[in-house]
C-alpha cells in the first residue's frame, strides 16, 4: 500500500516542527518538508493552502489539511492518524 503524500511547511528554528517530524519519523512515514523561513512566497502558498494560517508547522496529508503539531499529536493519540494514512477516512 502506498502512503499518501505528507507535506510539512516548517522553519528551521521551530520546536513544534521538530516534534511533528519526529512523530512522523517514529511511525516510519515519509514526508516532504517545505522550509518557509525567509521566503514570503512559500509562506503565502502555505497560508493559501491552510485557509489563512501563518504559523508553522502546517501539515497536509494528501490534500487534507491536518493543522499544526498539536493537531497531529492529537490525531495520533486517538488512532485517527493511522486511519488517514491507510485511507480509511
N, C-alpha and C. Protein backbone atom coordinates (compact mmCIF):
# COMPACT_ATOMS: atom_id res chain seq x y z
N UNK A 1 0.84 -1.19 0.00
CA UNK A 1 0.00 0.00 0.00
C UNK A 1 0.87 1.24 0.00
N UNK A 2 0.56 2.17 -0.87
CA UNK A 2 1.30 3.42 -0.92
C UNK A 2 0.72 4.39 0.08
N UNK A 3 1.60 5.02 0.81
CA UNK A 3 1.18 6.04 1.76
C UNK A 3 0.86 7.33 1.00
N UNK A 4 -0.15 8.08 1.44
CA UNK A 4 -0.40 9.36 0.80
C UNK A 4 0.76 10.32 1.07
N UNK A 5 0.91 11.30 0.20
CA UNK A 5 1.96 12.30 0.38
C UNK A 5 1.70 13.10 1.65
N UNK A 6 2.75 13.28 2.44
CA UNK A 6 2.67 14.10 3.65
C UNK A 6 3.59 15.29 3.44
N UNK A 7 3.05 16.48 3.59
CA UNK A 7 3.81 17.71 3.40
C UNK A 7 3.76 18.54 4.66
N UNK A 8 4.93 19.01 5.08
CA UNK A 8 5.02 19.89 6.25
C UNK A 8 5.66 21.20 5.82
N UNK A 9 5.00 22.29 6.12
CA UNK A 9 5.59 23.62 5.97
C UNK A 9 6.25 23.93 7.31
N UNK A 10 7.54 24.23 7.29
CA UNK A 10 8.32 24.34 8.52
C UNK A 10 9.28 25.54 8.46
N UNK A 11 9.91 25.80 9.62
CA UNK A 11 11.10 26.64 9.69
C UNK A 11 12.14 25.85 10.47
N UNK A 12 13.39 26.24 10.31
CA UNK A 12 14.47 25.51 10.95
C UNK A 12 14.52 25.65 12.46
N UNK A 13 14.00 26.73 12.99
CA UNK A 13 14.12 27.01 14.43
C UNK A 13 12.89 26.60 15.24
N UNK A 14 11.91 26.01 14.61
CA UNK A 14 10.62 25.75 15.26
C UNK A 14 10.62 24.42 16.01
N UNK A 15 10.46 24.45 17.34
CA UNK A 15 10.43 23.19 18.10
C UNK A 15 9.20 22.33 17.78
N UNK A 16 8.09 22.96 17.41
CA UNK A 16 6.89 22.20 17.05
C UNK A 16 7.09 21.48 15.71
N UNK A 17 7.84 22.12 14.82
CA UNK A 17 8.17 21.47 13.54
C UNK A 17 9.01 20.22 13.81
N UNK A 18 10.00 20.36 14.68
CA UNK A 18 10.85 19.21 15.01
C UNK A 18 10.04 18.09 15.64
N UNK A 19 9.11 18.44 16.51
CA UNK A 19 8.29 17.41 17.16
C UNK A 19 7.40 16.69 16.15
N UNK A 20 6.79 17.44 15.24
CA UNK A 20 5.92 16.83 14.22
C UNK A 20 6.74 15.89 13.33
N UNK A 21 7.92 16.34 12.92
CA UNK A 21 8.78 15.50 12.07
C UNK A 21 9.21 14.24 12.83
N UNK A 22 9.52 14.38 14.11
CA UNK A 22 9.94 13.23 14.91
C UNK A 22 8.81 12.21 15.02
N UNK A 23 7.58 12.67 15.23
CA UNK A 23 6.45 11.76 15.33
C UNK A 23 6.26 10.99 14.03
N UNK A 24 6.31 11.70 12.91
CA UNK A 24 6.15 11.03 11.62
C UNK A 24 7.28 10.03 11.38
N UNK A 25 8.51 10.42 11.73
CA UNK A 25 9.65 9.52 11.55
C UNK A 25 9.52 8.28 12.44
N UNK A 26 9.06 8.46 13.68
CA UNK A 26 8.86 7.33 14.60
C UNK A 26 7.86 6.33 14.02
N UNK A 27 6.87 6.84 13.28
CA UNK A 27 5.86 5.98 12.68
C UNK A 27 6.33 5.40 11.35
N UNK A 28 7.55 5.78 10.92
CA UNK A 28 8.09 5.27 9.67
C UNK A 28 7.45 5.87 8.44
N UNK A 29 6.90 7.08 8.57
CA UNK A 29 6.22 7.73 7.47
C UNK A 29 7.16 8.69 6.74
N UNK A 30 7.13 8.63 5.43
CA UNK A 30 7.92 9.55 4.62
C UNK A 30 7.16 10.88 4.52
N UNK A 31 7.91 11.97 4.48
CA UNK A 31 7.27 13.27 4.35
C UNK A 31 8.20 14.23 3.62
N UNK A 32 7.60 15.27 3.08
CA UNK A 32 8.33 16.33 2.39
C UNK A 32 8.26 17.59 3.24
N UNK A 33 9.41 18.22 3.44
CA UNK A 33 9.46 19.48 4.17
C UNK A 33 9.57 20.63 3.19
N UNK A 34 8.82 21.68 3.44
CA UNK A 34 8.96 22.92 2.69
C UNK A 34 9.32 23.99 3.71
N UNK A 35 10.56 24.47 3.65
CA UNK A 35 11.05 25.45 4.61
C UNK A 35 10.62 26.84 4.16
N UNK A 36 9.77 27.48 4.94
CA UNK A 36 9.24 28.79 4.59
C UNK A 36 10.02 29.93 5.23
N UNK A 37 11.06 29.59 5.98
CA UNK A 37 11.85 30.60 6.68
C UNK A 37 12.45 31.58 5.67
N UNK A 38 12.10 32.85 5.82
CA UNK A 38 12.66 33.89 4.97
C UNK A 38 12.14 33.88 3.55
N UNK A 39 11.10 33.12 3.25
CA UNK A 39 10.57 33.06 1.89
C UNK A 39 9.08 33.42 1.92
N UNK A 40 8.80 34.67 1.66
CA UNK A 40 7.41 35.16 1.72
C UNK A 40 6.51 34.45 0.73
N UNK A 41 7.04 34.12 -0.45
CA UNK A 41 6.23 33.45 -1.46
C UNK A 41 5.77 32.06 -0.97
N UNK A 42 6.69 31.30 -0.38
CA UNK A 42 6.32 29.99 0.16
C UNK A 42 5.38 30.13 1.35
N UNK A 43 5.61 31.15 2.16
CA UNK A 43 4.71 31.36 3.31
C UNK A 43 3.31 31.71 2.83
N UNK A 44 3.21 32.49 1.77
CA UNK A 44 1.90 32.82 1.19
C UNK A 44 1.23 31.56 0.63
N UNK A 45 2.00 30.70 -0.03
CA UNK A 45 1.48 29.44 -0.54
C UNK A 45 0.93 28.59 0.61
N UNK A 46 1.67 28.53 1.72
CA UNK A 46 1.24 27.79 2.90
C UNK A 46 -0.07 28.38 3.43
N UNK A 47 -0.13 29.70 3.54
CA UNK A 47 -1.33 30.35 4.07
C UNK A 47 -2.55 30.09 3.18
N UNK A 48 -2.35 30.09 1.89
CA UNK A 48 -3.46 29.81 0.98
C UNK A 48 -3.96 28.38 1.15
N UNK A 49 -3.04 27.42 1.24
CA UNK A 49 -3.43 26.01 1.39
C UNK A 49 -4.09 25.74 2.73
N UNK A 50 -3.68 26.48 3.77
CA UNK A 50 -4.16 26.19 5.12
C UNK A 50 -5.35 27.06 5.52
N UNK A 51 -5.90 27.81 4.60
CA UNK A 51 -7.05 28.65 4.94
C UNK A 51 -6.67 29.90 5.71
N UNK A 52 -5.45 30.40 5.50
CA UNK A 52 -5.03 31.65 6.11
C UNK A 52 -4.12 31.50 7.31
N UNK A 53 -3.84 30.27 7.73
CA UNK A 53 -2.98 30.06 8.90
C UNK A 53 -1.53 30.34 8.51
N UNK A 54 -0.83 31.12 9.35
CA UNK A 54 0.54 31.52 9.03
C UNK A 54 1.58 30.92 9.97
N UNK A 55 1.15 30.17 10.97
CA UNK A 55 2.09 29.57 11.91
C UNK A 55 2.60 28.23 11.35
N UNK A 56 3.78 27.84 11.82
CA UNK A 56 4.35 26.56 11.42
C UNK A 56 4.42 25.64 12.63
N UNK A 57 4.37 24.35 12.39
CA UNK A 57 4.22 23.70 11.08
C UNK A 57 2.76 23.72 10.63
N UNK A 58 2.58 23.62 9.34
CA UNK A 58 1.27 23.33 8.76
C UNK A 58 1.44 22.01 8.03
N UNK A 59 0.58 21.06 8.35
CA UNK A 59 0.75 19.68 7.92
C UNK A 59 -0.42 19.28 7.02
N UNK A 60 -0.09 18.63 5.91
CA UNK A 60 -1.07 18.14 4.96
C UNK A 60 -0.80 16.67 4.69
N UNK A 61 -1.86 15.89 4.65
CA UNK A 61 -1.77 14.50 4.21
C UNK A 61 -2.63 14.43 2.95
N UNK A 62 -1.97 14.18 1.83
CA UNK A 62 -2.64 14.35 0.55
C UNK A 62 -3.03 15.82 0.44
N UNK A 63 -4.27 16.07 0.11
CA UNK A 63 -4.75 17.46 0.06
C UNK A 63 -5.43 17.87 1.36
N UNK A 64 -5.55 16.95 2.32
CA UNK A 64 -6.24 17.23 3.58
C UNK A 64 -5.34 18.03 4.53
N UNK A 65 -5.84 19.17 4.98
CA UNK A 65 -5.11 20.00 5.94
C UNK A 65 -5.31 19.41 7.33
N UNK A 66 -4.22 18.97 7.95
CA UNK A 66 -4.27 18.37 9.28
C UNK A 66 -4.20 19.45 10.35
N UNK A 67 -3.42 20.49 10.10
CA UNK A 67 -3.23 21.57 11.07
C UNK A 67 -1.79 21.62 11.51
N UNK A 68 -1.57 21.92 12.79
CA UNK A 68 -0.23 22.04 13.32
C UNK A 68 0.20 20.81 14.10
N UNK A 69 1.26 20.96 14.86
CA UNK A 69 1.83 19.85 15.62
C UNK A 69 0.84 19.29 16.63
N UNK A 70 0.19 20.15 17.39
CA UNK A 70 -0.77 19.67 18.40
C UNK A 70 -1.89 18.87 17.75
N UNK A 71 -2.33 19.31 16.57
CA UNK A 71 -3.39 18.59 15.84
C UNK A 71 -2.90 17.21 15.42
N UNK A 72 -1.66 17.14 14.93
CA UNK A 72 -1.08 15.86 14.52
C UNK A 72 -0.96 14.91 15.70
N UNK A 73 -0.45 15.42 16.81
CA UNK A 73 -0.28 14.59 18.02
C UNK A 73 -1.64 14.07 18.50
N UNK A 74 -2.65 14.92 18.48
CA UNK A 74 -3.98 14.51 18.92
C UNK A 74 -4.58 13.45 17.98
N UNK A 75 -4.40 13.63 16.67
CA UNK A 75 -4.86 12.61 15.72
C UNK A 75 -4.20 11.27 16.02
N UNK A 76 -2.90 11.30 16.28
CA UNK A 76 -2.18 10.07 16.57
C UNK A 76 -2.68 9.46 17.87
N UNK A 77 -2.89 10.27 18.89
CA UNK A 77 -3.35 9.78 20.18
C UNK A 77 -4.69 9.06 20.05
N UNK A 78 -5.56 9.58 19.20
CA UNK A 78 -6.89 8.98 19.01
C UNK A 78 -6.89 7.82 18.00
N UNK A 79 -5.74 7.55 17.38
CA UNK A 79 -5.66 6.48 16.39
C UNK A 79 -6.14 6.89 15.01
N UNK A 80 -6.52 8.14 14.85
CA UNK A 80 -7.04 8.61 13.57
C UNK A 80 -5.95 8.81 12.53
N UNK A 81 -4.74 9.13 12.96
CA UNK A 81 -3.65 9.33 12.01
C UNK A 81 -3.42 8.06 11.20
N UNK A 82 -3.39 6.92 11.87
CA UNK A 82 -3.19 5.65 11.16
C UNK A 82 -4.32 5.39 10.17
N UNK A 83 -5.55 5.71 10.55
CA UNK A 83 -6.69 5.52 9.63
C UNK A 83 -6.56 6.43 8.41
N UNK A 84 -6.15 7.66 8.62
CA UNK A 84 -5.98 8.59 7.49
C UNK A 84 -4.90 8.08 6.56
N UNK A 85 -3.79 7.62 7.12
CA UNK A 85 -2.68 7.12 6.31
C UNK A 85 -3.12 5.89 5.51
N UNK A 86 -3.92 5.03 6.14
CA UNK A 86 -4.40 3.82 5.44
C UNK A 86 -5.50 4.15 4.45
N UNK A 87 -6.00 5.38 4.46
CA UNK A 87 -7.03 5.78 3.51
C UNK A 87 -8.43 5.43 3.94
N UNK A 88 -8.64 5.19 5.23
CA UNK A 88 -9.96 4.84 5.72
C UNK A 88 -10.77 6.03 6.18
N UNK A 89 -10.32 7.24 5.89
CA UNK A 89 -11.06 8.43 6.28
C UNK A 89 -10.95 9.46 5.22
